[in-house]
Amino acid sequence: DSVKGRFTISRDNAKNTVYLQMNSLKPED
């Protein structure tokens, strides 16, 4: 709940990679 709307997780199976896009970062992150 604390990151909904700010963080996005995604994956690229061709690159064996998972990403975490973090926006509007706060000190508590």
mmCIF file of all heavy atoms, coordinates in Angstrom:
data_MODEL
# 
_entry.id   MODEL 
# 
loop_
_atom_site.group_PDB 
_atom_site.id 
_atom_site.type_symbol 
_atom_site.label_atom_id 
_atom_site.label_alt_id 
_atom_site.label_comp_id 
_atom_site.label_asym_id 
_atom_site.label_entity_id 
_atom_site.label_seq_id 
_atom_site.pdbx_PDB_ins_code 
_atom_site.Cartn_x 
_atom_site.Cartn_y 
_atom_site.Cartn_z 
_atom_site.occupancy 
_atom_site.B_iso_or_equiv 
_atom_site.pdbx_formal_charge 
_atom_site.auth_seq_id 
_atom_site.auth_comp_id 
_atom_site.auth_asym_id 
_atom_site.auth_atom_id 
_atom_site.pdbx_PDB_model_num 
ATOM 1   N N   . ASP A 1 1  ? 0.819  -1.207  0.000   1.00 0.00 ? 1  ASP A N   1 
ATOM 2   C CA  . ASP A 1 1  ? 0.000  0.000   0.000   1.00 0.00 ? 1  ASP A CA  1 
ATOM 3   C C   . ASP A 1 1  ? 0.856  1.262   0.000   1.00 0.00 ? 1  ASP A C   1 
ATOM 4   O O   . ASP A 1 1  ? 0.492  2.267   -0.602  1.00 0.00 ? 1  ASP A O   1 
ATOM 5   C CB  . ASP A 1 1  ? -0.922 0.009   1.218   1.00 0.00 ? 1  ASP A CB  1 
ATOM 6   C CG  . ASP A 1 1  ? -2.056 -0.998  1.095   1.00 0.00 ? 1  ASP A CG  1 
ATOM 7   O OD1 . ASP A 1 1  ? -2.330 -1.456  -0.028  1.00 0.00 ? 1  ASP A OD1 1 
ATOM 8   O OD2 . ASP A 1 1  ? -2.656 -1.328  2.136   1.00 0.00 ? 1  ASP A OD2 1 
ATOM 9   N N   . SER A 1 2  ? 1.992  1.202   0.654   1.00 0.00 ? 2  SER A N   1 
ATOM 10  C CA  . SER A 1 2  ? 2.834  2.384   0.803   1.00 0.00 ? 2  SER A CA  1 
ATOM 11  C C   . SER A 1 2  ? 3.479  2.840   -0.510  1.00 0.00 ? 2  SER A C   1 
ATOM 12  O O   . SER A 1 2  ? 3.962  3.970   -0.590  1.00 0.00 ? 2  SER A O   1 
ATOM 13  C CB  . SER A 1 2  ? 3.940  2.113   1.829   1.00 0.00 ? 2  SER A CB  1 
ATOM 14  O OG  . SER A 1 2  ? 4.744  1.011   1.418   1.00 0.00 ? 2  SER A OG  1 
ATOM 15  N N   . VAL A 1 3  ? 3.486  1.983   -1.532  1.00 0.00 ? 3  VAL A N   1 
ATOM 16  C CA  . VAL A 1 3  ? 4.125  2.354   -2.791  1.00 0.00 ? 3  VAL A CA  1 
ATOM 17  C C   . VAL A 1 3  ? 3.159  2.369   -3.968  1.00 0.00 ? 3  VAL A C   1 
ATOM 18  O O   . VAL A 1 3  ? 3.554  2.731   -5.087  1.00 0.00 ? 3  VAL A O   1 
ATOM 19  C CB  . VAL A 1 3  ? 5.314  1.411   -3.119  1.00 0.00 ? 3  VAL A CB  1 
ATOM 20  C CG1 . VAL A 1 3  ? 6.285  1.346   -1.955  1.00 0.00 ? 3  VAL A CG1 1 
ATOM 21  C CG2 . VAL A 1 3  ? 4.835  0.019   -3.500  1.00 0.00 ? 3  VAL A CG2 1 
ATOM 22  N N   . LYS A 1 4  ? 1.915  2.001   -3.749  1.00 0.00 ? 4  LYS A N   1 
ATOM 23  C CA  . LYS A 1 4  ? 0.939  1.987   -4.840  1.00 0.00 ? 4  LYS A CA  1 
ATOM 24  C C   . LYS A 1 4  ? 0.816  3.371   -5.467  1.00 0.00 ? 4  LYS A C   1 
ATOM 25  O O   . LYS A 1 4  ? 0.734  4.380   -4.766  1.00 0.00 ? 4  LYS A O   1 
ATOM 26  C CB  . LYS A 1 4  ? -0.426 1.529   -4.316  1.00 0.00 ? 4  LYS A CB  1 
ATOM 27  C CG  . LYS A 1 4  ? -0.545 0.038   -4.136  1.00 0.00 ? 4  LYS A CG  1 
ATOM 28  C CD  . LYS A 1 4  ? -1.938 -0.352  -3.655  1.00 0.00 ? 4  LYS A CD  1 
ATOM 29  C CE  . LYS A 1 4  ? -2.047 -1.851  -3.456  1.00 0.00 ? 4  LYS A CE  1 
ATOM 30  N NZ  . LYS A 1 4  ? -3.368 -2.244  -2.909  1.00 0.00 ? 4  LYS A NZ  1 
ATOM 31  N N   . GLY A 1 5  ? 0.816  3.384   -6.791  1.00 0.00 ? 5  GLY A N   1 
ATOM 32  C CA  . GLY A 1 5  ? 0.704  4.649   -7.506  1.00 0.00 ? 5  GLY A CA  1 
ATOM 33  C C   . GLY A 1 5  ? 2.028  5.359   -7.703  1.00 0.00 ? 5  GLY A C   1 
ATOM 34  O O   . GLY A 1 5  ? 2.111  6.325   -8.468  1.00 0.00 ? 5  GLY A O   1 
ATOM 35  N N   . ARG A 1 6  ? 3.074  4.890   -7.017  1.00 0.00 ? 6  ARG A N   1 
ATOM 36  C CA  . ARG A 1 6  ? 4.402  5.518   -7.159  1.00 0.00 ? 6  ARG A CA  1 
ATOM 37  C C   . ARG A 1 6  ? 5.423  4.569   -7.778  1.00 0.00 ? 6  ARG A C   1 
ATOM 38  O O   . ARG A 1 6  ? 6.304  5.010   -8.509  1.00 0.00 ? 6  ARG A O   1 
ATOM 39  C CB  . ARG A 1 6  ? 4.917  5.972   -5.789  1.00 0.00 ? 6  ARG A CB  1 
ATOM 40  C CG  . ARG A 1 6  ? 4.022  6.985   -5.098  1.00 0.00 ? 6  ARG A CG  1 
ATOM 41  C CD  . ARG A 1 6  ? 4.690  7.567   -3.856  1.00 0.00 ? 6  ARG A CD  1 
ATOM 42  N NE  . ARG A 1 6  ? 4.953  6.533   -2.850  1.00 0.00 ? 6  ARG A NE  1 
ATOM 43  C CZ  . ARG A 1 6  ? 6.172  6.274   -2.352  1.00 0.00 ? 6  ARG A CZ  1 
ATOM 44  N NH1 . ARG A 1 6  ? 7.232  6.941   -2.784  1.00 0.00 ? 6  ARG A NH1 1 
ATOM 45  N NH2 . ARG A 1 6  ? 6.329  5.332   -1.421  1.00 0.00 ? 6  ARG A NH2 1 
ATOM 46  N N   . PHE A 1 7  ? 5.310  3.286   -7.471  1.00 0.00 ? 7  PHE A N   1 
ATOM 47  C CA  . PHE A 1 7  ? 6.270  2.292   -7.957  1.00 0.00 ? 7  PHE A CA  1 
ATOM 48  C C   . PHE A 1 7  ? 5.603  1.397   -8.999  1.00 0.00 ? 7  PHE A C   1 
ATOM 49  O O   . PHE A 1 7  ? 4.405  1.105   -8.905  1.00 0.00 ? 7  PHE A O   1 
ATOM 50  C CB  . PHE A 1 7  ? 6.760  1.398   -6.819  1.00 0.00 ? 7  PHE A CB  1 
ATOM 51  C CG  . PHE A 1 7  ? 7.655  2.073   -5.815  1.00 0.00 ? 7  PHE A CG  1 
ATOM 52  C CD1 . PHE A 1 7  ? 7.827  3.447   -5.779  1.00 0.00 ? 7  PHE A CD1 1 
ATOM 53  C CD2 . PHE A 1 7  ? 8.338  1.308   -4.875  1.00 0.00 ? 7  PHE A CD2 1 
ATOM 54  C CE1 . PHE A 1 7  ? 8.651  4.059   -4.843  1.00 0.00 ? 7  PHE A CE1 1 
ATOM 55  C CE2 . PHE A 1 7  ? 9.165  1.887   -3.933  1.00 0.00 ? 7  PHE A CE2 1 
ATOM 56  C CZ  . PHE A 1 7  ? 9.320  3.271   -3.920  1.00 0.00 ? 7  PHE A CZ  1 
ATOM 57  N N   . THR A 1 8  ? 6.400  0.945   -9.957  1.00 0.00 ? 8  THR A N   1 
ATOM 58  C CA  . THR A 1 8  ? 5.911  0.016   -10.975 1.00 0.00 ? 8  THR A CA  1 
ATOM 59  C C   . THR A 1 8  ? 6.930  -1.104  -11.161 1.00 0.00 ? 8  THR A C   1 
ATOM 60  O O   . THR A 1 8  ? 8.113  -0.836  -11.405 1.00 0.00 ? 8  THR A O   1 
ATOM 61  C CB  . THR A 1 8  ? 5.692  0.727   -12.323 1.00 0.00 ? 8  THR A CB  1 
ATOM 62  O OG1 . THR A 1 8  ? 4.771  1.806   -12.158 1.00 0.00 ? 8  THR A OG1 1 
ATOM 63  C CG2 . THR A 1 8  ? 5.149  -0.249  -13.355 1.00 0.00 ? 8  THR A CG2 1 
ATOM 64  N N   . ILE A 1 9  ? 6.444  -2.323  -11.043 1.00 0.00 ? 9  ILE A N   1 
ATOM 65  C CA  . ILE A 1 9  ? 7.307  -3.476  -11.285 1.00 0.00 ? 9  ILE A CA  1 
ATOM 66  C C   . ILE A 1 9  ? 7.019  -4.015  -12.686 1.00 0.00 ? 9  ILE A C   1 
ATOM 67  O O   . ILE A 1 9  ? 5.866  -4.026  -13.146 1.00 0.00 ? 9  ILE A O   1 
ATOM 68  C CB  . ILE A 1 9  ? 7.095  -4.572  -10.213 1.00 0.00 ? 9  ILE A CB  1 
ATOM 69  C CG1 . ILE A 1 9  ? 8.146  -5.678  -10.351 1.00 0.00 ? 9  ILE A CG1 1 
ATOM 70  C CG2 . ILE A 1 9  ? 5.679  -5.135  -10.254 1.00 0.00 ? 9  ILE A CG2 1 
ATOM 71  C CD1 . ILE A 1 9  ? 8.151  -6.663  -9.190  1.00 0.00 ? 9  ILE A CD1 1 
ATOM 72  N N   . SER A 1 10 ? 8.077  -4.448  -13.358 1.00 0.00 ? 10 SER A N   1 
ATOM 73  C CA  . SER A 1 10 ? 7.915  -5.020  -14.694 1.00 0.00 ? 10 SER A CA  1 
ATOM 74  C C   . SER A 1 10 ? 9.024  -6.047  -14.913 1.00 0.00 ? 10 SER A C   1 
ATOM 75  O O   . SER A 1 10 ? 9.981  -6.110  -14.132 1.00 0.00 ? 10 SER A O   1 
ATOM 76  C CB  . SER A 1 10 ? 7.963  -3.924  -15.766 1.00 0.00 ? 10 SER A CB  1 
ATOM 77  O OG  . SER A 1 10 ? 9.213  -3.265  -15.751 1.00 0.00 ? 10 SER A OG  1 
ATOM 78  N N   . ARG A 1 11 ? 8.885  -6.821  -15.969 1.00 0.00 ? 11 ARG A N   1 
ATOM 79  C CA  . ARG A 1 11 ? 9.889  -7.827  -16.262 1.00 0.00 ? 11 ARG A CA  1 
ATOM 80  C C   . ARG A 1 11 ? 10.106 -7.926  -17.765 1.00 0.00 ? 11 ARG A C   1 
ATOM 81  O O   . ARG A 1 11 ? 9.181  -7.681  -18.552 1.00 0.00 ? 11 ARG A O   1 
ATOM 82  C CB  . ARG A 1 11 ? 9.500  -9.191  -15.695 1.00 0.00 ? 11 ARG A CB  1 
ATOM 83  C CG  . ARG A 1 11 ? 8.246  -9.807  -16.282 1.00 0.00 ? 11 ARG A CG  1 
ATOM 84  C CD  . ARG A 1 11 ? 7.797  -11.023 -15.466 1.00 0.00 ? 11 ARG A CD  1 
ATOM 85  N NE  . ARG A 1 11 ? 8.786  -12.089 -15.483 1.00 0.00 ? 11 ARG A NE  1 
ATOM 86  C CZ  . ARG A 1 11 ? 8.815  -13.081 -14.593 1.00 0.00 ? 11 ARG A CZ  1 
ATOM 87  N NH1 . ARG A 1 11 ? 7.920  -13.117 -13.618 1.00 0.00 ? 11 ARG A NH1 1 
ATOM 88  N NH2 . ARG A 1 11 ? 9.744  -14.022 -14.686 1.00 0.00 ? 11 ARG A NH2 1 
ATOM 89  N N   . ASP A 1 12 ? 11.322 -8.284  -18.139 1.00 0.00 ? 12 ASP A N   1 
ATOM 90  C CA  . ASP A 1 12 ? 11.666 -8.531  -19.535 1.00 0.00 ? 12 ASP A CA  1 
ATOM 91  C C   . ASP A 1 12 ? 12.258 -9.938  -19.578 1.00 0.00 ? 12 ASP A C   1 
ATOM 92  O O   . ASP A 1 12 ? 13.431 -10.134 -19.232 1.00 0.00 ? 12 ASP A O   1 
ATOM 93  C CB  . ASP A 1 12 ? 12.670 -7.490  -20.031 1.00 0.00 ? 12 ASP A CB  1 
ATOM 94  C CG  . ASP A 1 12 ? 12.984 -7.622  -21.506 1.00 0.00 ? 12 ASP A CG  1 
ATOM 95  O OD1 . ASP A 1 12 ? 12.800 -8.725  -22.055 1.00 0.00 ? 12 ASP A OD1 1 
ATOM 96  O OD2 . ASP A 1 12 ? 13.425 -6.636  -22.106 1.00 0.00 ? 12 ASP A OD2 1 
ATOM 97  N N   . ASN A 1 13 ? 11.469 -10.898 -19.977 1.00 0.00 ? 13 ASN A N   1 
ATOM 98  C CA  . ASN A 1 13 ? 11.924 -12.293 -19.955 1.00 0.00 ? 13 ASN A CA  1 
ATOM 99  C C   . ASN A 1 13 ? 13.056 -12.543 -20.946 1.00 0.00 ? 13 ASN A C   1 
ATOM 100 O O   . ASN A 1 13 ? 13.881 -13.434 -20.730 1.00 0.00 ? 13 ASN A O   1 
ATOM 101 C CB  . ASN A 1 13 ? 10.760 -13.226 -20.247 1.00 0.00 ? 13 ASN A CB  1 
ATOM 102 C CG  . ASN A 1 13 ? 9.747  -13.265 -19.111 1.00 0.00 ? 13 ASN A CG  1 
ATOM 103 O OD1 . ASN A 1 13 ? 10.070 -12.948 -17.965 1.00 0.00 ? 13 ASN A OD1 1 
ATOM 104 N ND2 . ASN A 1 13 ? 8.517  -13.630 -19.426 1.00 0.00 ? 13 ASN A ND2 1 
ATOM 105 N N   . ALA A 1 14 ? 13.110 -11.770 -22.007 1.00 0.00 ? 14 ALA A N   1 
ATOM 106 C CA  . ALA A 1 14 ? 14.192 -11.935 -22.982 1.00 0.00 ? 14 ALA A CA  1 
ATOM 107 C C   . ALA A 1 14 ? 15.542 -11.511 -22.398 1.00 0.00 ? 14 ALA A C   1 
ATOM 108 O O   . ALA A 1 14 ? 16.588 -11.987 -22.848 1.00 0.00 ? 14 ALA A O   1 
ATOM 109 C CB  . ALA A 1 14 ? 13.894 -11.137 -24.236 1.00 0.00 ? 14 ALA A CB  1 
ATOM 110 N N   . LYS A 1 15 ? 15.504 -10.644 -21.392 1.00 0.00 ? 15 LYS A N   1 
ATOM 111 C CA  . LYS A 1 15 ? 16.733 -10.155 -20.762 1.00 0.00 ? 15 LYS A CA  1 
ATOM 112 C C   . LYS A 1 15 ? 16.939 -10.730 -19.366 1.00 0.00 ? 15 LYS A C   1 
ATOM 113 O O   . LYS A 1 15 ? 17.864 -10.320 -18.662 1.00 0.00 ? 15 LYS A O   1 
ATOM 114 C CB  . LYS A 1 15 ? 16.713 -8.626  -20.695 1.00 0.00 ? 15 LYS A CB  1 
ATOM 115 C CG  . LYS A 1 15 ? 16.718 -7.952  -22.046 1.00 0.00 ? 15 LYS A CG  1 
ATOM 116 C CD  . LYS A 1 15 ? 16.772 -6.438  -21.903 1.00 0.00 ? 15 LYS A CD  1 
ATOM 117 C CE  . LYS A 1 15 ? 16.825 -5.767  -23.275 1.00 0.00 ? 15 LYS A CE  1 
ATOM 118 N NZ  . LYS A 1 15 ? 16.876 -4.280  -23.169 1.00 0.00 ? 15 LYS A NZ  1 
ATOM 119 N N   . ASN A 1 16 ? 16.064 -11.645 -18.953 1.00 0.00 ? 16 ASN A N   1 
ATOM 120 C CA  . ASN A 1 16 ? 16.156 -12.231 -17.601 1.00 0.00 ? 16 ASN A CA  1 
ATOM 121 C C   . ASN A 1 16 ? 16.202 -11.144 -16.529 1.00 0.00 ? 16 ASN A C   1 
ATOM 122 O O   . ASN A 1 16 ? 16.939 -11.273 -15.533 1.00 0.00 ? 16 ASN A O   1 
ATOM 123 C CB  . ASN A 1 16 ? 17.406 -13.117 -17.479 1.00 0.00 ? 16 ASN A CB  1 
ATOM 124 C CG  . ASN A 1 16 ? 17.258 -14.440 -18.194 1.00 0.00 ? 16 ASN A CG  1 
ATOM 125 O OD1 . ASN A 1 16 ? 16.261 -14.676 -18.874 1.00 0.00 ? 16 ASN A OD1 1 
ATOM 126 N ND2 . ASN A 1 16 ? 18.244 -15.304 -18.052 1.00 0.00 ? 16 ASN A ND2 1 
ATOM 127 N N   . THR A 1 17 ? 15.410 -10.113 -16.697 1.00 0.00 ? 17 THR A N   1 
ATOM 128 C CA  . THR A 1 17 ? 15.514 -8.941  -15.831 1.00 0.00 ? 17 THR A CA  1 
ATOM 129 C C   . THR A 1 17 ? 14.144 -8.515  -15.310 1.00 0.00 ? 17 THR A C   1 
ATOM 130 O O   . THR A 1 17 ? 13.162 -8.521  -16.051 1.00 0.00 ? 17 THR A O   1 
ATOM 131 C CB  . THR A 1 17 ? 16.165 -7.773  -16.582 1.00 0.00 ? 17 THR A CB  1 
ATOM 132 O OG1 . THR A 1 17 ? 17.460 -8.171  -17.052 1.00 0.00 ? 17 THR A OG1 1 
ATOM 133 C CG2 . THR A 1 17 ? 16.326 -6.554  -15.679 1.00 0.00 ? 17 THR A CG2 1 
ATOM 134 N N   . VAL A 1 18 ? 14.138 -8.149  -14.039 1.00 0.00 ? 18 VAL A N   1 
ATOM 135 C CA  . VAL A 1 18 ? 12.966 -7.529  -13.439 1.00 0.00 ? 18 VAL A CA  1 
ATOM 136 C C   . VAL A 1 18 ? 13.358 -6.114  -13.017 1.00 0.00 ? 18 VAL A C   1 
ATOM 137 O O   . VAL A 1 18 ? 14.490 -5.876  -12.589 1.00 0.00 ? 18 VAL A O   1 
ATOM 138 C CB  . VAL A 1 18 ? 12.427 -8.348  -12.243 1.00 0.00 ? 18 VAL A CB  1 
ATOM 139 C CG1 . VAL A 1 18 ? 13.450 -8.450  -11.126 1.00 0.00 ? 18 VAL A CG1 1 
ATOM 140 C CG2 . VAL A 1 18 ? 11.126 -7.771  -11.730 1.00 0.00 ? 18 VAL A CG2 1 
ATOM 141 N N   . TYR A 1 19 ? 12.423 -5.192  -13.173 1.00 0.00 ? 19 TYR A N   1 
ATOM 142 C CA  . TYR A 1 19 ? 12.673 -3.778  -12.892 1.00 0.00 ? 19 TYR A CA  1 
ATOM 143 C C   . TYR A 1 19 ? 11.728 -3.269  -11.806 1.00 0.00 ? 19 TYR A C   1 
ATOM 144 O O   . TYR A 1 19 ? 10.620 -3.782  -11.637 1.00 0.00 ? 19 TYR A O   1 
ATOM 145 C CB  . TYR A 1 19 ? 12.454 -2.938  -14.147 1.00 0.00 ? 19 TYR A CB  1 
ATOM 146 C CG  . TYR A 1 19 ? 13.290 -3.347  -15.331 1.00 0.00 ? 19 TYR A CG  1 
ATOM 147 C CD1 . TYR A 1 19 ? 12.766 -4.195  -16.313 1.00 0.00 ? 19 TYR A CD1 1 
ATOM 148 C CD2 . TYR A 1 19 ? 14.597 -2.898  -15.478 1.00 0.00 ? 19 TYR A CD2 1 
ATOM 149 C CE1 . TYR A 1 19 ? 13.530 -4.578  -17.404 1.00 0.00 ? 19 TYR A CE1 1 
ATOM 150 C CE2 . TYR A 1 19 ? 15.366 -3.277  -16.564 1.00 0.00 ? 19 TYR A CE2 1 
ATOM 151 C CZ  . TYR A 1 19 ? 14.831 -4.118  -17.522 1.00 0.00 ? 19 TYR A CZ  1 
ATOM 152 O OH  . TYR A 1 19 ? 15.584 -4.509  -18.603 1.00 0.00 ? 19 TYR A OH  1 
ATOM 153 N N   . LEU A 1 20 ? 12.185 -2.238  -11.126 1.00 0.00 ? 20 LEU A N   1 
ATOM 154 C CA  . LEU A 1 20 ? 11.321 -1.514  -10.206 1.00 0.00 ? 20 LEU A CA  1 
ATOM 155 C C   . LEU A 1 20 ? 11.498 -0.027  -10.491 1.00 0.00 ? 20 LEU A C   1 
ATOM 156 O O   . LEU A 1 20 ? 12.542 0.551   -10.152 1.00 0.00 ? 20 LEU A O   1 
ATOM 157 C CB  . LEU A 1 20 ? 11.649 -1.824  -8.747  1.00 0.00 ? 20 LEU A CB  1 
ATOM 158 C CG  . LEU A 1 20 ? 10.698 -1.230  -7.729  1.00 0.00 ? 20 LEU A CG  1 
ATOM 159 C CD1 . LEU A 1 20 ? 9.307  -1.870  -7.857  1.00 0.00 ? 20 LEU A CD1 1 
ATOM 160 C CD2 . LEU A 1 20 ? 11.219 -1.388  -6.300  1.00 0.00 ? 20 LEU A CD2 1 
ATOM 161 N N   . GLN A 1 21 ? 10.500 0.549   -11.127 1.00 0.00 ? 21 GLN A N   1 
ATOM 162 C CA  . GLN A 1 21 ? 10.491 1.990   -11.388 1.00 0.00 ? 21 GLN A CA  1 
ATOM 163 C C   . GLN A 1 21 ? 9.933  2.677   -10.156 1.00 0.00 ? 21 GLN A C   1 
ATOM 164 O O   . GLN A 1 21 ? 8.799  2.382   -9.746  1.00 0.00 ? 21 GLN A O   1 
ATOM 165 C CB  . GLN A 1 21 ? 9.644  2.302   -12.613 1.00 0.00 ? 21 GLN A CB  1 
ATOM 166 C CG  . GLN A 1 21 ? 9.406  3.793   -12.841 1.00 0.00 ? 21 GLN A CG  1 
ATOM 167 C CD  . GLN A 1 21 ? 10.634 4.518   -13.362 1.00 0.00 ? 21 GLN A CD  1 
ATOM 168 O OE1 . GLN A 1 21 ? 11.211 4.119   -14.353 1.00 0.00 ? 21 GLN A OE1 1 
ATOM 169 N NE2 . GLN A 1 21 ? 11.016 5.606   -12.695 1.00 0.00 ? 21 GLN A NE2 1 
ATOM 170 N N   . MET A 1 22 ? 10.704 3.575   -9.570  1.00 0.00 ? 22 MET A N   1 
ATOM 171 C CA  . MET A 1 22 ? 10.292 4.252   -8.340  1.00 0.00 ? 22 MET A CA  1 
ATOM 172 C C   . MET A 1 22 ? 10.204 5.742   -8.595  1.00 0.00 ? 22 MET A C   1 
ATOM 173 O O   . MET A 1 22 ? 11.227 6.372   -8.919  1.00 0.00 ? 22 MET A O   1 
ATOM 174 C CB  . MET A 1 22 ? 11.287 3.961   -7.217  1.00 0.00 ? 22 MET A CB  1 
ATOM 175 C CG  . MET A 1 22 ? 11.496 2.474   -6.959  1.00 0.00 ? 22 MET A CG  1 
ATOM 176 S SD  . MET A 1 22 ? 12.532 2.151   -5.525  1.00 0.00 ? 22 MET A SD  1 
ATOM 177 C CE  . MET A 1 22 ? 14.093 2.813   -6.089  1.00 0.00 ? 22 MET A CE  1 
ATOM 178 N N   . ASN A 1 23 ? 9.008  6.283   -8.472  1.00 0.00 ? 23 ASN A N   1 
ATOM 179 C CA  . ASN A 1 23 ? 8.763  7.715   -8.672  1.00 0.00 ? 23 ASN A CA  1 
ATOM 180 C C   . ASN A 1 23 ? 8.295  8.355   -7.373  1.00 0.00 ? 23 ASN A C   1 
ATOM 181 O O   . ASN A 1 23 ? 7.876  7.658   -6.439  1.00 0.00 ? 23 ASN A O   1 
ATOM 182 C CB  . ASN A 1 23 ? 7.717  7.919   -9.761  1.00 0.00 ? 23 ASN A CB  1 
ATOM 183 C CG  . ASN A 1 23 ? 8.150  7.383   -11.108 1.00 0.00 ? 23 ASN A CG  1 
ATOM 184 O OD1 . ASN A 1 23 ? 9.328  7.401   -11.456 1.00 0.00 ? 23 ASN A OD1 1 
ATOM 185 N ND2 . ASN A 1 23 ? 7.189  6.909   -11.872 1.00 0.00 ? 23 ASN A ND2 1 
ATOM 186 N N   . SER A 1 24 ? 8.353  9.657   -7.336  1.00 0.00 ? 24 SER A N   1 
ATOM 187 C CA  . SER A 1 24 ? 7.885  10.431  -6.167  1.00 0.00 ? 24 SER A CA  1 
ATOM 188 C C   . SER A 1 24 ? 8.461  9.862   -4.878  1.00 0.00 ? 24 SER A C   1 
ATOM 189 O O   . SER A 1 24 ? 7.746  9.629   -3.898  1.00 0.00 ? 24 SER A O   1 
ATOM 190 C CB  . SER A 1 24 ? 6.349  10.415  -6.118  1.00 0.00 ? 24 SER A CB  1 
ATOM 191 O OG  . SER A 1 24 ? 5.796  10.941  -7.298  1.00 0.00 ? 24 SER A OG  1 
ATOM 192 N N   . LEU A 1 25 ? 9.731  9.640   -4.881  1.00 0.00 ? 25 LEU A N   1 
ATOM 193 C CA  . LEU A 1 25 ? 10.377 8.998   -3.736  1.00 0.00 ? 25 LEU A CA  1 
ATOM 194 C C   . LEU A 1 25 ? 10.317 9.871   -2.494  1.00 0.00 ? 25 LEU A C   1 
ATOM 195 O O   . LEU A 1 25 ? 10.390 11.115  -2.567  1.00 0.00 ? 25 LEU A O   1 
ATOM 196 C CB  . LEU A 1 25 ? 11.827 8.657   -4.073  1.00 0.00 ? 25 LEU A CB  1 
ATOM 197 C CG  . LEU A 1 25 ? 11.974 7.412   -4.960  1.00 0.00 ? 25 LEU A CG  1 
ATOM 198 C CD1 . LEU A 1 25 ? 13.334 7.373   -5.639  1.00 0.00 ? 25 LEU A CD1 1 
ATOM 199 C CD2 . LEU A 1 25 ? 11.761 6.160   -4.124  1.00 0.00 ? 25 LEU A CD2 1 
ATOM 200 N N   . LYS A 1 26 ? 10.176 9.199   -1.358  1.00 0.00 ? 26 LYS A N   1 
ATOM 201 C CA  . LYS A 1 26 ? 10.057 9.849   -0.057  1.00 0.00 ? 26 LYS A CA  1 
ATOM 202 C C   . LYS A 1 26 ? 11.213 9.386   0.837   1.00 0.00 ? 26 LYS A C   1 
ATOM 203 O O   . LYS A 1 26 ? 11.748 8.282   0.637   1.00 0.00 ? 26 LYS A O   1 
ATOM 204 C CB  . LYS A 1 26 ? 8.725  9.466   0.597   1.00 0.00 ? 26 LYS A CB  1 
ATOM 205 C CG  . LYS A 1 26 ? 7.498  9.754   -0.239  1.00 0.00 ? 26 LYS A CG  1 
ATOM 206 C CD  . LYS A 1 26 ? 6.248  9.235   0.442   1.00 0.00 ? 26 LYS A CD  1 
ATOM 207 C CE  . LYS A 1 26 ? 5.007  9.487   -0.403  1.00 0.00 ? 26 LYS A CE  1 
ATOM 208 N NZ  . LYS A 1 26 ? 3.779  8.973   0.252   1.00 0.00 ? 26 LYS A NZ  1 
ATOM 209 N N   . PRO A 1 27 ? 11.547 10.158  1.846   1.00 0.00 ? 27 PRO A N   1 
ATOM 210 C CA  . PRO A 1 27 ? 12.601 9.720   2.772   1.00 0.00 ? 27 PRO A CA  1 
ATOM 211 C C   . PRO A 1 27 ? 12.323 8.352   3.387   1.00 0.00 ? 27 PRO A C   1 
ATOM 212 O O   . PRO A 1 27 ? 13.263 7.573   3.624   1.00 0.00 ? 27 PRO A O   1 
ATOM 213 C CB  . PRO A 1 27 ? 12.614 10.818  3.827   1.00 0.00 ? 27 PRO A CB  1 
ATOM 214 C CG  . PRO A 1 27 ? 12.169 12.041  3.084   1.00 0.00 ? 27 PRO A CG  1 
ATOM 215 C CD  . PRO A 1 27 ? 11.124 11.535  2.116   1.00 0.00 ? 27 PRO A CD  1 
ATOM 216 N N   . GLU A 1 28 ? 11.064 8.043   3.606   1.00 0.00 ? 28 GLU A N   1 
ATOM 217 C CA  . GLU A 1 28 ? 10.723 6.741   4.197   1.00 0.00 ? 28 GLU A CA  1 
ATOM 218 C C   . GLU A 1 28 ? 10.910 5.584   3.236   1.00 0.00 ? 28 GLU A C   1 
ATOM 219 O O   . GLU A 1 28 ? 10.762 4.419   3.634   1.00 0.00 ? 28 GLU A O   1 
ATOM 220 C CB  . GLU A 1 28 ? 9.284  6.750   4.736   1.00 0.00 ? 28 GLU A CB  1 
ATOM 221 C CG  . GLU A 1 28 ? 8.239  7.235   3.767   1.00 0.00 ? 28 GLU A CG  1 
ATOM 222 C CD  . GLU A 1 28 ? 7.896  8.701   3.962   1.00 0.00 ? 28 GLU A CD  1 
ATOM 223 O OE1 . GLU A 1 28 ? 8.834  9.528   4.153   1.00 0.00 ? 28 GLU A OE1 1 
ATOM 224 O OE2 . GLU A 1 28 ? 6.696  9.028   3.899   1.00 0.00 ? 28 GLU A OE2 1 
ATOM 225 N N   . ASP A 1 29 ? 11.229 5.847   1.979   1.00 0.00 ? 29 ASP A N   1 
ATOM 226 C CA  . ASP A 1 29 ? 11.568 4.785   1.036   1.00 0.00 ? 29 ASP A CA  1 
ATOM 227 C C   . ASP A 1 29 ? 13.029 4.362   1.174   1.00 0.00 ? 29 ASP A C   1 
ATOM 228 O O   . ASP A 1 29 ? 13.458 3.395   0.532   1.00 0.00 ? 29 ASP A O   1 
ATOM 229 C CB  . ASP A 1 29 ? 11.318 5.241   -0.403  1.00 0.00 ? 29 ASP A CB  1 
ATOM 230 C CG  . ASP A 1 29 ? 9.851  5.492   -0.699  1.00 0.00 ? 29 ASP A CG  1 
ATOM 231 O OD1 . ASP A 1 29 ? 9.014  4.673   -0.269  1.00 0.00 ? 29 ASP A OD1 1 
ATOM 232 O OD2 . ASP A 1 29 ? 9.553  6.513   -1.361  1.00 0.00 ? 29 ASP A OD2 1 
# 
